[in-house]
Protein backbone atom coordinates (compact mmCIF):
# COMPACT_ATOMS: atom_id res chain seq x y z
CA MET A 1 80.66 106.27 78.57
CA ALA A 2 81.85 108.21 81.64
CA ARG A 3 84.50 106.52 83.75
CA LEU A 4 83.47 105.16 87.12
CA ALA A 5 84.78 107.61 89.75
CA LEU A 6 86.28 105.94 92.81
CA THR A 7 87.11 107.72 96.04
CA ARG A 8 90.22 107.14 98.10
CA ALA A 9 88.08 105.52 100.81
CA GLN A 10 86.62 103.04 98.30
CA ILE A 11 90.06 102.15 96.95
CA VAL A 12 91.72 101.64 100.32
CA ALA A 13 88.75 99.59 101.55
CA PHE A 14 88.87 97.43 98.41
CA ARG A 15 92.58 96.75 98.84
CA ARG A 16 92.11 95.79 102.48
CA ARG A 17 89.29 93.46 101.54
CA ALA A 18 91.19 91.93 98.61
CA GLY A 19 94.16 91.48 100.91
CA ALA A 20 92.12 89.84 103.70
CA LEU A 21 93.16 92.51 106.18
CA ASP A 22 89.75 93.28 107.66
CA GLU A 23 89.09 89.78 108.97
CA ARG A 24 91.52 86.88 109.15
CA LEU A 25 90.89 83.86 106.96
CA PRO A 26 90.53 80.43 108.58
CA ALA A 27 93.73 78.41 108.82
CA GLY A 28 94.45 76.08 105.90
CA PRO A 29 96.05 75.79 102.44
CA ARG A 30 93.22 77.62 100.65
CA SER A 31 93.68 80.62 102.90
CA LEU A 32 97.45 80.54 102.45
CA ARG A 33 96.96 80.65 98.68
CA ARG A 34 94.58 83.56 99.02
CA ALA A 35 96.97 85.43 101.31
CA ALA A 36 99.75 84.97 98.74
CA TRP A 37 97.49 85.65 95.74
CA ALA A 38 99.84 88.35 94.38
CA GLY A 39 102.88 87.03 96.24
CA LEU A 40 104.33 88.01 99.60
CA GLN A 41 107.71 89.69 99.66
CA ASP A 42 110.15 87.86 101.91
CA SER A 43 113.33 89.90 101.41
CA MET A 44 113.38 90.81 105.09
CA PRO A 45 113.78 87.56 107.05
CA ARG A 46 110.36 86.04 107.71
CA ALA A 47 108.43 89.05 106.43
CA ALA A 48 106.15 86.63 104.57
CA VAL A 49 105.22 84.92 107.84
CA LEU A 50 104.15 88.24 109.33
CA SER A 51 102.18 89.05 106.18
CA ILE A 52 100.43 85.69 106.46
CA HIS A 53 99.78 86.31 110.15
CA ALA A 54 98.01 89.57 109.29
CA ARG A 55 95.66 87.61 107.01
CA VAL A 56 95.30 84.03 108.26
CA ALA A 57 94.27 82.77 111.69
CA ARG A 58 96.56 80.60 113.80
CA THR A 59 99.69 81.41 111.78
CA GLY A 60 102.83 79.89 113.26
CA PRO A 61 106.51 80.74 112.73
CA SER A 62 106.91 77.97 110.15
CA ALA A 63 103.93 78.98 107.98
CA TRP A 64 106.25 79.90 105.10
CA GLU A 65 107.34 76.25 104.89
CA ASP A 66 103.82 74.92 104.26
CA ARG A 67 103.84 72.56 101.28
CA SER A 68 101.20 74.72 99.57
CA LEU A 69 103.72 77.59 99.35
CA ALA A 70 107.05 78.09 97.60
CA GLN A 71 109.87 80.61 97.70
CA ILE A 72 111.12 82.13 94.47
CA TRP A 73 112.97 85.13 93.15
CA GLY A 74 109.81 86.95 92.24
CA PRO A 75 108.87 90.44 91.08
CA ARG A 76 111.94 92.69 90.70
CA TYR A 77 114.05 89.59 91.56
CA SER A 78 113.26 89.89 95.27
CA VAL A 79 112.58 86.82 97.40
CA PHE A 80 108.83 86.11 97.46
CA VAL A 81 106.60 83.46 98.95
CA VAL A 82 103.95 82.40 96.43
CA PRO A 83 101.43 79.57 96.09
CA GLU A 84 103.28 76.45 94.92
CA ARG A 85 100.65 75.72 92.28
CA ASP A 86 101.06 79.25 90.90
CA ARG A 87 104.87 79.25 90.74
CA ALA A 88 104.83 79.67 86.94
CA LEU A 89 102.87 82.92 87.14
CA PHE A 90 105.53 84.64 89.21
CA THR A 91 108.49 83.25 87.25
CA LEU A 92 107.63 82.41 83.65
CA GLY A 93 105.10 85.26 83.65
CA ARG A 94 108.05 87.66 83.94
CA LEU A 95 110.14 86.11 81.16
CA PRO A 96 111.67 89.05 79.25
CA ASP A 97 110.02 89.97 75.95
CA ASP A 98 113.23 90.94 74.19
CA ALA A 99 115.65 88.42 72.70
CA ARG A 100 118.62 89.67 74.68
CA GLY A 101 116.76 89.41 78.00
CA ARG A 102 115.50 85.91 77.20
CA GLN A 103 118.99 84.77 76.22
CA ARG A 104 120.35 86.05 79.51
CA ALA A 105 117.64 84.20 81.44
CA GLU A 106 118.07 80.95 79.52
CA ARG A 107 121.87 81.12 79.82
CA ALA A 108 121.78 81.60 83.58
CA ALA A 109 119.28 78.75 84.03
CA ALA A 110 121.20 76.39 81.73
CA ARG A 111 124.54 77.03 83.43
CA LEU A 112 123.02 76.41 86.83
CA GLN A 113 121.32 73.22 85.68
CA THR A 114 124.58 71.89 84.24
CA LEU A 115 126.42 72.70 87.46
CA LEU A 116 123.88 71.23 89.84
CA GLY A 117 122.93 68.10 87.94
CA GLY A 118 120.04 67.48 90.32
CA ALA A 119 121.92 68.55 93.47
CA ARG A 120 121.31 71.53 95.76
CA MET A 121 123.83 74.26 96.51
CA THR A 122 123.94 77.71 98.09
CA TYR A 123 123.71 80.35 95.43
CA GLY A 124 127.00 81.83 96.64
CA ALA A 125 128.82 78.55 96.08
CA ALA A 126 127.12 78.17 92.71
CA GLY A 127 128.25 81.63 91.67
CA ARG A 128 131.84 80.90 92.67
CA ALA A 129 131.82 77.59 90.81
CA LEU A 130 130.55 79.31 87.68
CA GLY A 131 132.84 82.31 88.07
CA VAL A 132 129.95 84.81 88.19
CA HIS A 133 128.39 87.04 90.80
CA PRO A 134 125.67 84.91 92.44
CA ASN A 135 123.08 87.64 91.96
CA SER A 136 123.34 87.09 88.20
CA LEU A 137 121.79 83.66 88.70
CA ARG A 138 118.53 85.36 89.62
CA TYR A 139 117.92 86.14 85.96
CA GLY A 140 117.35 82.44 85.35
CA THR A 141 114.30 82.44 87.62
CA THR A 142 112.10 83.75 84.78
CA THR A 143 112.49 80.40 82.99
CA GLY A 144 110.57 78.81 85.87
CA THR A 145 113.30 76.19 86.38
CA ILE A 146 114.97 77.48 89.56
CA ALA A 147 113.67 76.82 93.07
CA LEU A 148 115.14 78.18 96.27
CA ARG A 149 114.91 78.04 100.02
CA TRP A 150 116.05 80.91 102.21
CA ASP A 151 115.66 80.67 105.97
CA GLY A 152 116.73 84.28 106.53
CA ALA A 153 119.97 83.45 108.33
CA ARG A 154 122.10 81.92 105.60
CA GLN A 155 122.43 82.17 101.83
CA PRO A 156 119.59 80.81 99.70
CA VAL A 157 119.90 77.19 98.61
CA VAL A 158 119.00 76.68 94.95
CA TRP A 159 118.06 73.68 92.83
CA ASN A 160 116.38 72.96 89.53
CA VAL A 161 112.76 72.03 88.87
CA PRO A 162 111.05 71.04 85.60
CA ARG A 163 110.13 73.87 83.27
CA PRO A 164 106.44 74.78 83.64
CA THR A 165 104.18 73.76 80.78
CA VAL A 166 102.26 77.05 81.00
CA ASP A 167 102.58 79.40 78.05
CA PRO A 168 104.57 82.50 79.15
CA LEU A 169 101.91 84.86 77.77
CA ASP A 170 99.14 83.07 79.66
CA ALA A 171 101.25 83.28 82.83
CA ARG A 172 101.85 87.00 82.24
CA LEU A 173 98.14 87.72 81.81
CA GLU A 174 97.16 85.83 84.96
CA LEU A 175 99.91 87.64 86.87
CA ALA A 176 98.43 90.93 85.67
CA ARG A 177 94.97 89.84 86.83
CA ARG A 178 96.38 89.00 90.26
CA TYR A 179 98.03 92.41 90.42
CA LEU A 180 94.81 94.17 89.43
CA ASN A 181 92.83 92.20 91.99
CA VAL A 182 95.15 93.06 94.89
CA TYR A 183 96.59 96.45 93.91
CA GLY A 184 93.79 97.90 91.78
CA PRO A 185 92.92 100.40 90.52
CA THR A 186 96.21 100.52 88.68
CA THR A 187 97.89 101.08 85.34
CA ALA A 188 99.92 99.08 82.86
CA LEU A 189 103.03 101.00 83.88
CA GLY A 190 102.31 100.31 87.54
CA PHE A 191 102.10 96.60 86.77
CA ALA A 192 105.37 96.70 84.84
CA LYS A 193 107.12 98.52 87.69
CA TRP A 194 105.87 96.04 90.28
CA ALA A 195 106.67 92.95 88.21
CA GLY A 196 110.06 94.23 87.08
CA ILE A 197 109.30 93.85 83.37
CA ALA A 198 109.66 96.29 80.49
CA ALA A 199 106.99 98.97 80.24
CA ARG A 200 105.90 97.70 76.82
CA GLY A 201 105.29 94.28 78.38
CA GLY A 202 102.92 95.81 80.91
CA VAL A 203 101.11 97.76 78.21
CA ALA A 204 100.77 94.65 76.03
CA ALA A 205 99.33 92.67 78.95
CA PHE A 206 96.71 95.31 79.71
CA GLU A 207 95.82 95.55 76.02
CA ALA A 208 95.31 91.78 75.89
CA LEU A 209 93.05 92.00 78.96
CA ALA A 210 91.10 95.00 77.65
CA ASP A 211 87.76 93.17 77.39
CA SER A 212 87.94 92.20 81.08
CA LEU A 213 88.99 95.63 82.38
CA LEU A 214 86.98 98.67 83.41
CA ASP A 215 88.39 102.17 83.13
CA VAL A 216 87.99 104.23 86.31
CA ARG A 217 88.90 107.66 87.61
CA THR A 218 90.76 107.94 90.92
CA PRO A 219 91.99 110.90 92.99
CA ILE A 220 95.43 110.47 91.37
CA GLY A 221 94.33 109.91 87.77
CA ASP A 222 92.82 107.40 85.36
CA ALA A 223 93.38 103.70 85.96
CA SER A 224 91.86 100.26 85.43
CA ILE A 225 90.21 97.58 87.54
CA LEU A 226 89.00 94.10 86.75
CA ALA A 227 85.39 94.49 85.61
CA ARG A 228 84.40 91.61 87.87
CA ASP A 229 85.67 93.60 90.88
CA GLU A 230 83.36 96.58 90.25
CA PRO A 231 80.59 95.32 92.61
CA VAL A 232 83.12 95.01 95.44
CA PHE A 233 84.22 98.61 94.98
CA ARG A 234 80.57 99.72 95.15
CA GLU A 235 79.70 97.70 98.27
CA SER A 236 79.81 99.13 101.74
CA PRO A 237 83.05 97.79 103.24
CA PRO A 238 83.05 95.59 106.33
CA ALA A 239 84.34 96.97 109.60
CA PRO A 240 88.14 97.15 109.52
CA ALA A 241 90.28 95.21 111.96
CA PRO A 242 91.28 97.13 115.11
CA ALA A 243 94.99 96.70 114.32
CA ARG A 244 97.42 94.88 112.07
CA LEU A 245 101.23 95.06 112.06
CA LEU A 246 102.37 94.72 108.44
CA PRO A 247 106.01 93.82 107.80
CA SER A 248 108.48 95.59 105.54
CA GLY A 249 107.37 95.25 101.91
CA ASP A 250 103.88 93.93 102.69
CA ALA A 251 101.57 93.83 99.67
CA PHE A 252 99.27 96.48 101.15
CA TYR A 253 101.91 99.15 100.69
CA LEU A 254 104.33 97.67 98.13
CA LEU A 255 103.62 100.70 95.96
CA HIS A 256 105.55 103.13 93.80
CA GLY A 257 105.07 106.65 92.47
CA ALA A 258 101.69 108.32 92.71
CA ASP A 259 100.11 105.22 94.29
CA ARG A 260 101.93 106.13 97.47
CA ARG A 261 100.20 109.51 97.55
CA LEU A 262 96.85 107.78 97.42
CA LEU A 263 97.62 105.54 100.38
CA LEU A 264 99.32 108.27 102.43
CA PRO A 265 98.47 111.83 101.29
CA ASP A 266 100.87 113.37 103.83
CA ALA A 267 104.43 113.73 102.45
CA ALA A 268 106.14 113.41 105.85
CA GLN A 269 104.28 110.17 106.52
CA ARG A 270 105.27 108.83 103.10
CA ASN A 271 108.92 109.62 103.84
CA ALA A 272 108.65 107.68 107.11
CA LEU A 273 107.01 104.64 105.52
CA TRP A 274 109.10 104.57 102.35
CA PRO A 275 112.59 105.78 103.30
CA SER A 276 115.44 105.50 100.81
CA ARG A 277 116.94 102.59 102.74
CA VAL A 278 115.25 99.68 104.56
CA TRP A 279 111.50 100.09 104.89
CA PRO A 280 109.95 99.76 108.35
CA GLY A 281 106.72 97.90 108.96
CA ALA A 282 103.36 99.66 108.74
CA VAL A 283 100.92 100.05 111.65
CA LEU A 284 97.34 99.63 110.45
CA VAL A 285 94.62 100.84 112.85
CA ASP A 286 90.94 100.81 111.88
CA GLY A 287 91.93 100.36 108.25
CA GLU A 288 94.42 103.23 107.93
CA ILE A 289 98.20 103.36 108.25
CA VAL A 290 98.86 105.42 111.38
CA GLY A 291 102.55 104.82 111.97
CA VAL A 292 105.56 102.59 111.46
CA TRP A 293 107.18 99.87 113.53
CA ARG A 294 110.50 98.08 113.88
CA ARG A 295 111.65 95.12 115.93
CA THR A 296 114.81 94.25 117.80
CA ARG A 297 114.54 90.74 119.24
CA HIS A 298 111.53 90.83 121.61
CA GLU A 299 111.06 94.60 121.50
CA VAL A 300 108.67 96.21 119.01
CA THR A 301 109.09 99.97 118.68
CA VAL A 302 106.07 101.83 117.33
CA GLU A 303 106.32 105.37 115.95
CA PRO A 304 102.78 106.74 115.42
CA PHE A 305 102.23 109.59 113.00
CA GLY A 306 100.05 111.34 115.56
CA ARG A 307 98.26 110.87 118.83
CA LEU A 308 96.49 107.52 119.17
CA SER A 309 93.62 106.75 121.49
CA ARG A 310 94.10 104.38 124.39
CA ALA A 311 91.91 101.84 122.58
CA ALA A 312 94.09 102.05 119.48
CA ARG A 313 97.28 101.61 121.51
CA ASP A 314 95.78 98.62 123.30
CA ALA A 315 94.81 97.08 119.94
CA VAL A 316 98.35 97.53 118.59
CA GLU A 317 99.88 96.00 121.72
CA ALA A 318 97.47 93.07 121.58
CA GLU A 319 98.36 92.47 117.93
CA ALA A 320 102.09 92.67 118.66
CA ALA A 321 101.75 90.07 121.39
CA THR A 322 100.53 87.53 118.81
CA LEU A 323 103.33 87.97 116.25
CA PRO A 324 104.62 84.49 115.30
CA LEU A 325 108.31 85.19 115.80
CA PRO A 326 110.64 82.20 116.21
CA ASP A 327 113.15 81.70 119.01
CA LEU A 328 111.87 84.40 121.33
CA ALA A 329 113.11 83.93 124.88
CA ARG A 330 110.77 86.58 126.26
CA SER A 331 107.30 87.93 125.61
CA ILE A 332 107.05 90.76 123.11
CA VAL A 333 107.25 94.25 124.59
CA VAL A 334 105.93 97.32 122.74
CA ARG A 335 107.88 100.57 123.07
CA TRP A 336 106.12 103.75 121.97
CA SER A 337 108.34 106.34 120.36
């Protein structure tokens, strides 16, 4: 059977729709879970709040603290905000497959649990008490027994939680489904890269899901989608939002390798969006990334890739004015570079 051929336009439209970027969801826990379906990177202070704001109506500066959400060391051991009820998927679902990796994870978690004894402590203090670099404690997150809170200004505070009762393989497969649903079409190696697991683990997950996947052809090569998502790819997409300001590491462009070429065919634009150091935010206008943005206190500097219409500039400025940034003494001002 011939593979379903998907165009770039179909793929980008699907990802916007899966990511709730065309129309904001109504405020509430269900929408927060949907916004964080594949996790929201929060390595830049309060990036997750801005990602939620791009997807959920009436988002406030404290949205990341909603009881329906949790912070963890997620994919690639970065700080993520994920649905509380799905914590196991993003932790235990990344438990290493090899004995050495599992031993390292279990050892880090056990040492931390012995040290804390039910208390809470900054991870820096915990590292000093254990005589290890605090970053090494992150390996224990894949046991599902470490919780954290990071407000962006100080070191993360860590504590222990009960080990999830979910089977690690079941968690891995659901994590792969989430990834396919938000980042598809994609490959087993793309999933492994995103999750920070061994390539063979990604391949094994896709093989286990084979009956629920559909092989497709994309402008950058063969890939897979969830079979249940095929009708959405075929549908005419809704009208895109006039503008969205996506923060550094937002799920819409948390991509690697050839996937970046699909989202931004122009090499110079890719270099601007994915520099070797800290990523800027992405400016989304009418469904396409048209520039990057950065913020210093109340000033948002926008660097468009090309000339934007007056209507597009107005839409970007209107979106910037609504950003839920805490402790602003002045209204947000947009500077065009």
